[in-house]
Amino acid sequence: MKTAQPAQVSHLADAPASSAPEPSDTGATRSNRALAQTGIAARLDARPIIEVRNLRKEYPVEDETVVALSRVNLVIPKGQICCIFGESGSGKSTLLNQLAGMEKPTRGGVRIGGVPVSRLNERELAAFRQKHLGFVFQSYNLLPNLTAVENVAMPLMFRGVPKAEREKAARGVLRRVGLGHRLNHYPRQMSGGQQQRVGIARAFVTKPEVVFADEPTGNLDSKTKADVMAMICAFAREFHQTIVLVTHDPQMASYADRIVTLLDGNITSDCLNVPASSVSSTSPVVPASPNAPGTTVATGKGVTL
């Protein structure tokens, strides 16, 4: 297959899905039927936006070869909030790096919107990320010498949007995350929770098709964690965006439509979930233990795929 050129990745939403076979119809049908009342099933009918096929990643360590991912297969539909859940060393961060094109696989590959991101060169990857992907980081990754507005407007600058227009858009999304009073503040003048809200605004200001959130609440207190996750989910629902959330925190995983558990580089569980925001009970929805493959989640409301 030929390497995609920038012109070929400029309209991700219109890109054809891979011709690779879909997951088991039996599992998908059962999941949709069981969760129809939650509204999740409607989103699962969408064509795949992310496809991972036979993905393997090895790292040479002295005289040994460490297998970080072992033949991972995963299909994520458009509009789904999918959590990659696992303990430290499970392979979840490696999988995120593969999905975002940060590293090349040893074998297999990743497609986003039909585009083989694993085969793009660095220039093509940079253009692809600018147009189609958003990122929320655990450590915020804000530029210290830029204000909140300037940080949020940065992705639009890379797209060539005029300054007045991009800063207007940045102010609008900052107000939506409750920072209308912090528009001209620098990161050092904001709390951790406020900095992460700026990070969320920056990730969503371009309305990307896919947003990768890498432990986005890792440095926050429990109340702020809930606020941050509610914001991420609200944006995703409104704009029908796909979220890939990577976390080791069961409470954060409970916000996802689906929880994929990794252990030692393998998927041990893949379950649909009733998101925390959809559950009236105050009890948190937690995923299965990483060493309990096939266990359902969400107090009996999950469905094993």
C-alpha atoms as a PDB file:
ATOM      1  CA  MET A   1       0.000   0.000   0.000  1.00  0.00           C
ATOM      2  CA  LYS A   2       1.313   3.418  -0.878  1.00  0.00           C
ATOM      3  CA  THR A   3       2.078   5.962   1.799  1.00  0.00           C
ATOM      4  CA  ALA A   4      -0.693   8.542   2.098  1.00  0.00           C
ATOM      5  CA  GLN A   5       0.088  12.086   1.008  1.00  0.00           C
ATOM      6  CA  PRO A   6      -1.092  15.173   2.938  1.00  0.00           C
ATOM      7  CA  ALA A   7      -3.794  15.847   0.348  1.00  0.00           C
ATOM      8  CA  GLN A   8      -5.211  12.398   1.002  1.00  0.00           C
ATOM      9  CA  VAL A   9      -5.686  13.007   4.732  1.00  0.00           C
ATOM     10  CA  SER A  10      -7.233  16.471   4.565  1.00  0.00           C
ATOM     11  CA  HIS A  11     -10.825  15.219   4.860  1.00  0.00           C
ATOM     12  CA  LEU A  12     -10.800  12.516   7.491  1.00  0.00           C
ATOM     13  CA  ALA A  13     -14.548  12.331   7.933  1.00  0.00           C
ATOM     14  CA  ASP A  14     -14.934  11.405   4.273  1.00  0.00           C
ATOM     15  CA  ALA A  15     -12.163   8.811   4.209  1.00  0.00           C
ATOM     16  CA  PRO A  16     -13.322   5.255   3.504  1.00  0.00           C
ATOM     17  CA  ALA A  17     -13.111   2.749   6.308  1.00  0.00           C
ATOM     18  CA  SER A  18     -10.696  -0.158   6.004  1.00  0.00           C
ATOM     19  CA  SER A  19     -11.917  -3.263   4.255  1.00  0.00           C
ATOM     20  CA  ALA A  20     -10.623  -5.379   7.152  1.00  0.00           C
ATOM     21  CA  PRO A  21     -13.264  -7.596   8.767  1.00  0.00           C
ATOM     22  CA  GLU A  22     -15.404  -6.150  11.545  1.00  0.00           C
ATOM     23  CA  PRO A  23     -15.481  -7.566  15.097  1.00  0.00           C
ATOM     24  CA  SER A  24     -17.812 -10.462  15.863  1.00  0.00           C
ATOM     25  CA  ASP A  25     -21.373  -9.645  14.806  1.00  0.00           C
ATOM     26  CA  THR A  26     -22.641 -11.763  17.666  1.00  0.00           C
ATOM     27  CA  GLY A  27     -20.883  -9.673  20.322  1.00  0.00           C
ATOM     28  CA  ALA A  28     -21.753  -6.349  18.727  1.00  0.00           C
ATOM     29  CA  THR A  29     -25.423  -7.285  18.269  1.00  0.00           C
ATOM     30  CA  ARG A  30     -25.726  -8.504  21.842  1.00  0.00           C
ATOM     31  CA  SER A  31     -24.064  -5.352  23.159  1.00  0.00           C
ATOM     32  CA  ASN A  32     -26.270  -3.010  21.142  1.00  0.00           C
ATOM     33  CA  ARG A  33     -29.438  -4.791  22.215  1.00  0.00           C
ATOM     34  CA  ALA A  34     -28.508  -4.793  25.898  1.00  0.00           C
ATOM     35  CA  LEU A  35     -27.521  -1.124  25.959  1.00  0.00           C
ATOM     36  CA  ALA A  36     -30.105   0.344  23.589  1.00  0.00           C
ATOM     37  CA  GLN A  37     -31.837   2.173  26.408  1.00  0.00           C
ATOM     38  CA  THR A  38     -28.654   4.088  27.321  1.00  0.00           C
ATOM     39  CA  GLY A  39     -28.137   5.701  23.904  1.00  0.00           C
ATOM     40  CA  ILE A  40     -24.758   4.031  23.537  1.00  0.00           C
ATOM     41  CA  ALA A  41     -26.003   1.597  20.884  1.00  0.00           C
ATOM     42  CA  ALA A  42     -26.793   4.403  18.450  1.00  0.00           C
ATOM     43  CA  ARG A  43     -23.172   5.529  18.541  1.00  0.00           C
ATOM     44  CA  LEU A  44     -21.954   1.964  18.018  1.00  0.00           C
ATOM     45  CA  ASP A  45     -23.739   1.807  14.674  1.00  0.00           C
ATOM     46  CA  ALA A  46     -21.270   4.348  13.257  1.00  0.00           C
ATOM     47  CA  ARG A  47     -18.479   3.153  10.995  1.00  0.00           C
ATOM     48  CA  PRO A  48     -15.086   2.627  12.629  1.00  0.00           C
ATOM     49  CA  ILE A  49     -12.917   5.706  13.082  1.00  0.00           C
ATOM     50  CA  ILE A  50      -9.936   3.820  14.593  1.00  0.00           C
ATOM     51  CA  GLU A  51      -8.803   0.363  13.484  1.00  0.00           C
ATOM     52  CA  VAL A  52      -5.910  -1.536  15.030  1.00  0.00           C
ATOM     53  CA  ARG A  53      -4.876  -4.733  13.274  1.00  0.00           C
ATOM     54  CA  ASN A  54      -2.406  -7.344  14.592  1.00  0.00           C
ATOM     55  CA  LEU A  55      -0.398  -4.634  16.351  1.00  0.00           C
ATOM     56  CA  ARG A  56       2.860  -5.688  17.946  1.00  0.00           C
ATOM     57  CA  LYS A  57       5.518  -3.501  19.515  1.00  0.00           C
ATOM     58  CA  GLU A  58       8.901  -4.737  20.686  1.00  0.00           C
ATOM     59  CA  TYR A  59      11.718  -2.845  22.385  1.00  0.00           C
ATOM     60  CA  PRO A  60      15.328  -4.083  22.510  1.00  0.00           C
ATOM     61  CA  VAL A  61      16.656  -3.936  26.077  1.00  0.00           C
ATOM     62  CA  GLU A  62      20.310  -4.949  26.254  1.00  0.00           C
ATOM     63  CA  ASP A  63      20.353  -8.608  25.152  1.00  0.00           C
ATOM     64  CA  GLU A  64      16.605  -9.089  25.462  1.00  0.00           C
ATOM     65  CA  THR A  65      13.500  -8.114  23.536  1.00  0.00           C
ATOM     66  CA  VAL A  66      10.626  -6.711  25.561  1.00  0.00           C
ATOM     67  CA  VAL A  67       7.182  -7.212  24.021  1.00  0.00           C
ATOM     68  CA  ALA A  68       5.096  -4.176  25.003  1.00  0.00           C
ATOM     69  CA  LEU A  69       2.124  -5.057  22.777  1.00  0.00           C
ATOM     70  CA  SER A  70       1.337  -8.526  21.485  1.00  0.00           C
ATOM     71  CA  ARG A  71      -0.988  -8.805  18.464  1.00  0.00           C
ATOM     72  CA  VAL A  72      -3.548  -6.225  19.590  1.00  0.00           C
ATOM     73  CA  ASN A  73      -6.744  -5.922  17.532  1.00  0.00           C
ATOM     74  CA  LEU A  74      -9.221  -3.143  18.254  1.00  0.00           C
ATOM     75  CA  VAL A  75     -11.955  -1.262  16.393  1.00  0.00           C
ATOM     76  CA  ILE A  76     -13.373   1.979  17.839  1.00  0.00           C
ATOM     77  CA  PRO A  77     -16.549   3.444  16.301  1.00  0.00           C
ATOM     78  CA  LYS A  78     -16.948   7.132  15.603  1.00  0.00           C
ATOM     79  CA  GLY A  79     -18.386   9.025  18.564  1.00  0.00           C
ATOM     80  CA  GLN A  80     -17.409   6.466  21.202  1.00  0.00           C
ATOM     81  CA  ILE A  81     -15.630   7.325  24.449  1.00  0.00           C
ATOM     82  CA  CYS A  82     -13.253   4.390  24.789  1.00  0.00           C
ATOM     83  CA  CYS A  83     -11.077   3.856  27.845  1.00  0.00           C
ATOM     84  CA  ILE A  84      -7.786   1.960  27.618  1.00  0.00           C
ATOM     85  CA  PHE A  85      -7.496   0.752  31.187  1.00  0.00           C
ATOM     86  CA  GLY A  86      -4.595  -0.934  32.926  1.00  0.00           C
ATOM     87  CA  GLU A  87      -1.992  -0.818  35.613  1.00  0.00           C
ATOM     88  CA  SER A  88       1.494   0.586  35.169  1.00  0.00           C
ATOM     89  CA  GLY A  89       3.412  -1.542  32.674  1.00  0.00           C
ATOM     90  CA  SER A  90       0.291  -3.002  31.076  1.00  0.00           C
ATOM     91  CA  GLY A  91       1.056  -1.475  27.663  1.00  0.00           C
ATOM     92  CA  LYS A  92      -1.631   1.217  27.649  1.00  0.00           C
ATOM     93  CA  SER A  93       0.774   4.120  27.092  1.00  0.00           C
ATOM     94  CA  THR A  94       2.516   2.200  24.318  1.00  0.00           C
ATOM     95  CA  LEU A  95      -0.857   1.607  22.671  1.00  0.00           C
ATOM     96  CA  LEU A  96      -1.671   5.313  22.917  1.00  0.00           C
ATOM     97  CA  ASN A  97       1.646   6.173  21.277  1.00  0.00           C
ATOM     98  CA  GLN A  98       0.829   3.770  18.455  1.00  0.00           C
ATOM     99  CA  LEU A  99      -2.655   5.198  17.944  1.00  0.00           C
ATOM    100  CA  ALA A 100      -1.313   8.747  17.792  1.00  0.00           C
ATOM    101  CA  GLY A 101       1.546   7.817  15.464  1.00  0.00           C
ATOM    102  CA  MET A 102       4.190   8.704  18.041  1.00  0.00           C
ATOM    103  CA  GLU A 103       5.989   5.396  17.460  1.00  0.00           C
ATOM    104  CA  LYS A 104       6.186   2.902  14.620  1.00  0.00           C
ATOM    105  CA  PRO A 105       4.915  -0.638  15.248  1.00  0.00           C
ATOM    106  CA  THR A 106       7.087  -3.710  14.965  1.00  0.00           C
ATOM    107  CA  ARG A 107       4.262  -5.395  13.073  1.00  0.00           C
ATOM    108  CA  GLY A 108       0.660  -4.599  12.222  1.00  0.00           C
ATOM    109  CA  GLY A 109      -0.744  -1.110  11.942  1.00  0.00           C
ATOM    110  CA  VAL A 110      -3.240   1.590  12.881  1.00  0.00           C
ATOM    111  CA  ARG A 111      -5.758   3.359  10.665  1.00  0.00           C
ATOM    112  CA  ILE A 112      -7.699   6.483  11.597  1.00  0.00           C
ATOM    113  CA  GLY A 113     -10.532   7.310   9.246  1.00  0.00           C
ATOM    114  CA  GLY A 114      -9.056   4.871   6.763  1.00  0.00           C
ATOM    115  CA  VAL A 115      -5.654   6.602   6.808  1.00  0.00           C
ATOM    116  CA  PRO A 116      -2.725   4.277   7.666  1.00  0.00           C
ATOM    117  CA  VAL A 117      -1.096   6.491  10.289  1.00  0.00           C
ATOM    118  CA  SER A 118       1.538   3.838  11.025  1.00  0.00           C
ATOM    119  CA  ARG A 119       2.921   4.386   7.509  1.00  0.00           C
ATOM    120  CA  LEU A 120       2.973   8.182   7.408  1.00  0.00           C
ATOM    121  CA  ASN A 121       6.289  10.008   7.574  1.00  0.00           C
ATOM    122  CA  GLU A 122       6.928  12.724  10.155  1.00  0.00           C
ATOM    123  CA  ARG A 123       5.801  15.569   7.901  1.00  0.00           C
ATOM    124  CA  GLU A 124       2.591  13.784   7.002  1.00  0.00           C
ATOM    125  CA  LEU A 125       1.963  12.850  10.639  1.00  0.00           C
ATOM    126  CA  ALA A 126       2.367  16.468  11.761  1.00  0.00           C
ATOM    127  CA  ALA A 127      -0.153  17.616   9.155  1.00  0.00           C
ATOM    128  CA  PHE A 128      -2.524  14.803  10.057  1.00  0.00           C
ATOM    129  CA  ARG A 129      -2.437  15.574  13.795  1.00  0.00           C
ATOM    130  CA  GLN A 130      -3.017  19.293  13.208  1.00  0.00           C
ATOM    131  CA  LYS A 131      -6.109  18.610  11.130  1.00  0.00           C
ATOM    132  CA  HIS A 132      -7.701  15.654  12.845  1.00  0.00           C
ATOM    133  CA  LEU A 133      -6.406  14.965  16.373  1.00  0.00           C
ATOM    134  CA  GLY A 134      -6.543  16.645  19.769  1.00  0.00           C
ATOM    135  CA  PHE A 135      -4.553  15.829  22.902  1.00  0.00           C
ATOM    136  CA  VAL A 136      -5.154  16.283  26.635  1.00  0.00           C
ATOM    137  CA  PHE A 137      -2.059  15.599  28.749  1.00  0.00           C
ATOM    138  CA  GLN A 138      -1.639  14.724  32.415  1.00  0.00           C
ATOM    139  CA  SER A 139       0.990  17.450  32.862  1.00  0.00           C
ATOM    140  CA  TYR A 140      -1.085  20.037  30.918  1.00  0.00           C
ATOM    141  CA  ASN A 141       1.824  20.928  28.558  1.00  0.00           C
ATOM    142  CA  LEU A 142       0.924  24.616  28.435  1.00  0.00           C
ATOM    143  CA  LEU A 143       3.472  27.128  27.170  1.00  0.00           C
ATOM    144  CA  PRO A 144       4.444  29.167  30.266  1.00  0.00           C
ATOM    145  CA  ASN A 145       4.994  32.451  28.420  1.00  0.00           C
ATOM    146  CA  LEU A 146       1.600  32.433  26.732  1.00  0.00           C
ATOM    147  CA  THR A 147      -1.748  33.424  28.229  1.00  0.00           C
ATOM    148  CA  ALA A 148      -4.710  31.069  28.404  1.00  0.00           C
ATOM    149  CA  VAL A 149      -6.130  32.562  25.201  1.00  0.00           C
ATOM    150  CA  GLU A 150      -2.804  32.287  23.396  1.00  0.00           C
ATOM    151  CA  ASN A 151      -2.309  28.656  24.486  1.00  0.00           C
ATOM    152  CA  VAL A 152      -5.766  27.646  23.310  1.00  0.00           C
ATOM    153  CA  ALA A 153      -5.396  29.538  20.031  1.00  0.00           C
ATOM    154  CA  MET A 154      -2.109  27.784  19.187  1.00  0.00           C
ATOM    155  CA  PRO A 155      -3.626  24.842  17.212  1.00  0.00           C
ATOM    156  CA  LEU A 156      -5.608  27.312  15.117  1.00  0.00           C
ATOM    157  CA  MET A 157      -2.443  29.274  14.381  1.00  0.00           C
ATOM    158  CA  PHE A 158      -0.895  26.125  12.911  1.00  0.00           C
ATOM    159  CA  ARG A 159      -3.936  25.841  10.674  1.00  0.00           C
ATOM    160  CA  GLY A 160      -3.370  29.355   9.360  1.00  0.00           C
ATOM    161  CA  VAL A 161      -6.401  30.927  11.045  1.00  0.00           C
ATOM    162  CA  PRO A 162      -6.017  34.750  11.363  1.00  0.00           C
ATOM    163  CA  LYS A 163      -5.115  36.003  14.850  1.00  0.00           C
ATOM    164  CA  ALA A 164      -8.365  37.845  15.559  1.00  0.00           C
ATOM    165  CA  GLU A 165     -10.448  34.856  14.503  1.00  0.00           C
ATOM    166  CA  ARG A 166      -8.448  32.258  16.411  1.00  0.00           C
ATOM    167  CA  GLU A 167      -8.375  34.318  19.613  1.00  0.00           C
ATOM    168  CA  LYS A 168     -12.129  34.870  19.379  1.00  0.00           C
ATOM    169  CA  ALA A 169     -12.605  31.106  19.119  1.00  0.00           C
ATOM    170  CA  ALA A 170     -10.202  30.552  22.030  1.00  0.00           C
ATOM    171  CA  ARG A 171     -12.084  32.985  24.251  1.00  0.00           C
ATOM    172  CA  GLY A 172     -15.347  31.265  23.409  1.00  0.00           C
ATOM    173  CA  VAL A 173     -14.203  27.784  24.369  1.00  0.00           C
ATOM    174  CA  LEU A 174     -12.438  29.062  27.506  1.00  0.00           C
ATOM    175  CA  ARG A 175     -15.703  30.596  28.657  1.00  0.00           C
ATOM    176  CA  ARG A 176     -17.389  27.243  28.070  1.00  0.00           C
ATOM    177  CA  VAL A 177     -14.963  25.550  30.455  1.00  0.00           C
ATOM    178  CA  GLY A 178     -15.549  28.228  33.094  1.00  0.00           C
ATOM    179  CA  LEU A 179     -12.421  30.315  32.565  1.00  0.00           C
ATOM    180  CA  GLY A 180     -13.929  33.521  31.222  1.00  0.00           C
ATOM    181  CA  HIS A 181     -12.263  35.338  34.113  1.00  0.00           C
ATOM    182  CA  ARG A 182      -8.822  33.844  33.350  1.00  0.00           C
ATOM    183  CA  LEU A 183      -8.461  34.623  29.666  1.00  0.00           C
ATOM    184  CA  ASN A 184      -5.290  36.681  30.018  1.00  0.00           C
ATOM    185  CA  HIS A 185      -3.728  34.750  32.880  1.00  0.00           C
ATOM    186  CA  TYR A 186      -0.509  32.791  32.484  1.00  0.00           C
ATOM    187  CA  PRO A 187      -0.225  29.131  33.586  1.00  0.00           C
ATOM    188  CA  ARG A 188       1.695  30.098  36.723  1.00  0.00           C
ATOM    189  CA  GLN A 189      -1.264  32.228  37.779  1.00  0.00           C
ATOM    190  CA  MET A 190      -3.708  29.302  37.609  1.00  0.00           C
ATOM    191  CA  SER A 191      -4.372  26.208  39.700  1.00  0.00           C
ATOM    192  CA  GLY A 192      -3.805  22.713  38.366  1.00  0.00           C
ATOM    193  CA  GLY A 193      -7.492  22.285  37.650  1.00  0.00           C
ATOM    194  CA  GLN A 194      -7.632  25.582  35.783  1.00  0.00           C
ATOM    195  CA  GLN A 195      -4.562  24.664  33.748  1.00  0.00           C
ATOM    196  CA  GLN A 196      -6.164  21.376  32.765  1.00  0.00           C
ATOM    197  CA  ARG A 197      -9.305  23.240  31.677  1.00  0.00           C
ATOM    198  CA  VAL A 198      -7.077  25.303  29.412  1.00  0.00           C
ATOM    199  CA  GLY A 199      -5.637  22.041  28.109  1.00  0.00           C
ATOM    200  CA  ILE A 200      -9.135  20.735  27.392  1.00  0.00           C
ATOM    201  CA  ALA A 201     -10.075  23.954  25.607  1.00  0.00           C
ATOM    202  CA  ARG A 202      -6.926  23.701  23.485  1.00  0.00           C
ATOM    203  CA  ALA A 203      -7.700  20.080  22.573  1.00  0.00           C
ATOM    204  CA  PHE A 204     -11.263  20.828  21.488  1.00  0.00           C
ATOM    205  CA  VAL A 205     -10.962  24.293  19.920  1.00  0.00           C
ATOM    206  CA  THR A 206     -10.404  22.812  16.440  1.00  0.00           C
ATOM    207  CA  LYS A 207     -13.226  20.267  16.892  1.00  0.00           C
ATOM    208  CA  PRO A 208     -10.963  17.319  15.999  1.00  0.00           C
ATOM    209  CA  GLU A 209     -12.445  13.970  15.026  1.00  0.00           C
ATOM    210  CA  VAL A 210     -10.404  12.131  17.675  1.00  0.00           C
ATOM    211  CA  VAL A 211      -9.102  13.325  21.054  1.00  0.00           C
ATOM    212  CA  PHE A 212      -6.492  11.330  22.973  1.00  0.00           C
ATOM    213  CA  ALA A 213      -6.552  11.924  26.741  1.00  0.00           C
ATOM    214  CA  ASP A 214      -3.510  10.536  28.552  1.00  0.00           C
ATOM    215  CA  GLU A 215      -4.245  10.283  32.308  1.00  0.00           C
ATOM    216  CA  PRO A 216      -5.914  13.723  32.091  1.00  0.00           C
ATOM    217  CA  THR A 217      -6.859  13.782  35.780  1.00  0.00           C
ATOM    218  CA  GLY A 218      -3.689  12.256  37.224  1.00  0.00           C
ATOM    219  CA  ASN A 219      -2.551  15.441  38.982  1.00  0.00           C
ATOM    220  CA  LEU A 220      -5.969  16.616  40.209  1.00  0.00           C
ATOM    221  CA  ASP A 221      -8.065  16.232  43.355  1.00  0.00           C
ATOM    222  CA  SER A 222     -11.209  14.098  43.285  1.00  0.00           C
ATOM    223  CA  LYS A 223     -13.714  16.924  42.735  1.00  0.00           C
ATOM    224  CA  THR A 224     -11.655  18.514  39.983  1.00  0.00           C
ATOM    225  CA  LYS A 225     -11.231  15.086  38.363  1.00  0.00           C
ATOM    226  CA  ALA A 226     -15.002  14.751  38.075  1.00  0.00           C
ATOM    227  CA  ASP A 227     -15.330  18.275  36.647  1.00  0.00           C
ATOM    228  CA  VAL A 228     -12.619  17.638  34.046  1.00  0.00           C
ATOM    229  CA  MET A 229     -14.108  14.334  32.925  1.00  0.00           C
ATOM    230  CA  ALA A 230     -17.584  15.874  32.701  1.00  0.00           C
ATOM    231  CA  MET A 231     -16.202  18.595  30.416  1.00  0.00           C
ATOM    232  CA  ILE A 232     -14.397  16.138  28.155  1.00  0.00           C
ATOM    233  CA  CYS A 233     -17.509  13.984  27.832  1.00  0.00           C
ATOM    234  CA  ALA A 234     -19.796  16.967  27.219  1.00  0.00           C
ATOM    235  CA  PHE A 235     -17.664  18.203  24.316  1.00  0.00           C
ATOM    236  CA  ALA A 236     -17.471  14.703  22.857  1.00  0.00           C
ATOM    237  CA  ARG A 237     -21.254  14.201  23.012  1.00  0.00           C
ATOM    238  CA  GLU A 238     -22.019  17.602  21.519  1.00  0.00           C
ATOM    239  CA  PHE A 239     -19.683  17.286  18.538  1.00  0.00           C
ATOM    240  CA  HIS A 240     -19.886  13.480  18.100  1.00  0.00           C
ATOM    241  CA  GLN A 241     -16.161  13.128  18.670  1.00  0.00           C
ATOM    242  CA  THR A 242     -14.234   9.992  19.508  1.00  0.00           C
ATOM    243  CA  ILE A 243     -12.311  10.006  22.785  1.00  0.00           C
ATOM    244  CA  VAL A 244      -9.544   7.558  23.655  1.00  0.00           C
ATOM    245  CA  LEU A 245      -8.960   7.851  27.394  1.00  0.00           C
ATOM    246  CA  VAL A 246      -5.911   6.158  28.905  1.00  0.00           C
ATOM    247  CA  THR A 247      -6.014   5.675  32.669  1.00  0.00           C
ATOM    248  CA  HIS A 248      -5.291   3.365  35.592  1.00  0.00           C
ATOM    249  CA  ASP A 249      -8.034   5.032  37.653  1.00  0.00           C
ATOM    250  CA  PRO A 250     -11.294   3.000  37.815  1.00  0.00           C
ATOM    251  CA  GLN A 251     -13.332   6.093  38.660  1.00  0.00           C
ATOM    252  CA  MET A 252     -12.146   7.892  35.515  1.00  0.00           C
ATOM    253  CA  ALA A 253     -12.706   4.774  33.427  1.00  0.00           C
ATOM    254  CA  SER A 254     -16.326   4.773  34.581  1.00  0.00           C
ATOM    255  CA  TYR A 255     -17.042   7.789  32.345  1.00  0.00           C
ATOM    256  CA  ALA A 256     -16.371   5.784  29.187  1.00  0.00           C
ATOM    257  CA  ASP A 257     -18.848   4.025  26.880  1.00  0.00           C
ATOM    258  CA  ARG A 258     -16.432   1.145  26.646  1.00  0.00           C
ATOM    259  CA  ILE A 259     -13.542  -0.142  28.747  1.00  0.00           C
ATOM    260  CA  VAL A 260     -10.702  -2.081  27.129  1.00  0.00           C
ATOM    261  CA  THR A 261      -8.412  -3.612  29.737  1.00  0.00           C
ATOM    262  CA  LEU A 262      -4.759  -4.342  28.994  1.00  0.00           C
ATOM    263  CA  LEU A 263      -2.421  -6.650  30.887  1.00  0.00           C
ATOM    264  CA  ASP A 264       1.125  -7.473  29.780  1.00  0.00           C
ATOM    265  CA  GLY A 265       0.495  -6.082  26.307  1.00  0.00           C
ATOM    266  CA  ASN A 266      -2.672  -8.082  25.689  1.00  0.00           C
ATOM    267  CA  ILE A 267      -6.350  -7.152  25.764  1.00  0.00           C
ATOM    268  CA  THR A 268      -7.855  -9.200  28.594  1.00  0.00           C
ATOM    269  CA  SER A 269     -11.290  -7.605  28.667  1.00  0.00           C
ATOM    270  CA  ASP A 270     -13.388  -5.500  26.277  1.00  0.00           C
ATOM    271  CA  CYS A 271     -16.693  -4.360  27.756  1.00  0.00           C
ATOM    272  CA  LEU A 272     -19.364  -1.820  26.987  1.00  0.00           C
ATOM    273  CA  ASN A 273     -20.225   0.363  29.952  1.00  0.00           C
ATOM    274  CA  VAL A 274     -23.018   2.592  31.161  1.00  0.00           C
ATOM    275  CA  PRO A 275     -21.075   5.862  31.679  1.00  0.00           C
ATOM    276  CA  ALA A 276     -20.986   7.395  35.148  1.00  0.00           C
ATOM    277  CA  SER A 277     -22.935  10.404  33.903  1.00  0.00           C
ATOM    278  CA  SER A 278     -25.795   8.056  32.883  1.00  0.00           C
ATOM    279  CA  VAL A 279     -26.029   6.209  36.202  1.00  0.00           C
ATOM    280  CA  SER A 280     -28.337   7.697  38.807  1.00  0.00           C
ATOM    281  CA  SER A 281     -26.706   5.854  41.681  1.00  0.00           C
ATOM    282  CA  THR A 282     -23.980   7.656  43.599  1.00  0.00           C
ATOM    283  CA  SER A 283     -21.873   4.502  43.599  1.00  0.00           C
ATOM    284  CA  PRO A 284     -18.938   4.741  41.193  1.00  0.00           C
ATOM    285  CA  VAL A 285     -18.905   2.498  38.129  1.00  0.00           C
ATOM    286  CA  VAL A 286     -15.637   0.603  38.073  1.00  0.00           C
ATOM    287  CA  PRO A 287     -14.052  -1.611  35.429  1.00  0.00           C
ATOM    288  CA  ALA A 288     -13.102  -5.192  35.954  1.00  0.00           C
ATOM    289  CA  SER A 289      -9.765  -6.056  37.485  1.00  0.00           C
ATOM    290  CA  PRO A 290      -6.999  -6.212  34.845  1.00  0.00           C
ATOM    291  CA  ASN A 291      -6.463  -9.903  35.631  1.00  0.00           C
ATOM    292  CA  ALA A 292     -10.117 -10.867  35.262  1.00  0.00           C
ATOM    293  CA  PRO A 293     -10.690 -11.186  31.502  1.00  0.00           C
ATOM    294  CA  GLY A 294     -14.258 -11.202  30.282  1.00  0.00           C
ATOM    295  CA  THR A 295     -15.791  -9.719  33.432  1.00  0.00           C
ATOM    296  CA  THR A 296     -18.673  -7.340  32.856  1.00  0.00           C
ATOM    297  CA  VAL A 297     -18.753  -3.882  34.388  1.00  0.00           C
ATOM    298  CA  ALA A 298     -21.052  -1.097  35.575  1.00  0.00           C
ATOM    299  CA  THR A 299     -22.821  -2.994  38.364  1.00  0.00           C
ATOM    300  CA  GLY A 300     -24.106  -5.615  35.959  1.00  0.00           C
ATOM    301  CA  LYS A 301     -24.924  -3.174  33.166  1.00  0.00           C
ATOM    302  CA  GLY A 302     -21.774  -3.815  31.193  1.00  0.00           C
ATOM    303  CA  VAL A 303     -21.691  -6.219  28.271  1.00  0.00           C
ATOM    304  CA  THR A 304     -18.649  -8.266  27.399  1.00  0.00           C
ATOM    305  CA  LEU A 305     -17.683  -7.998  23.734  1.00  0.00           C
END
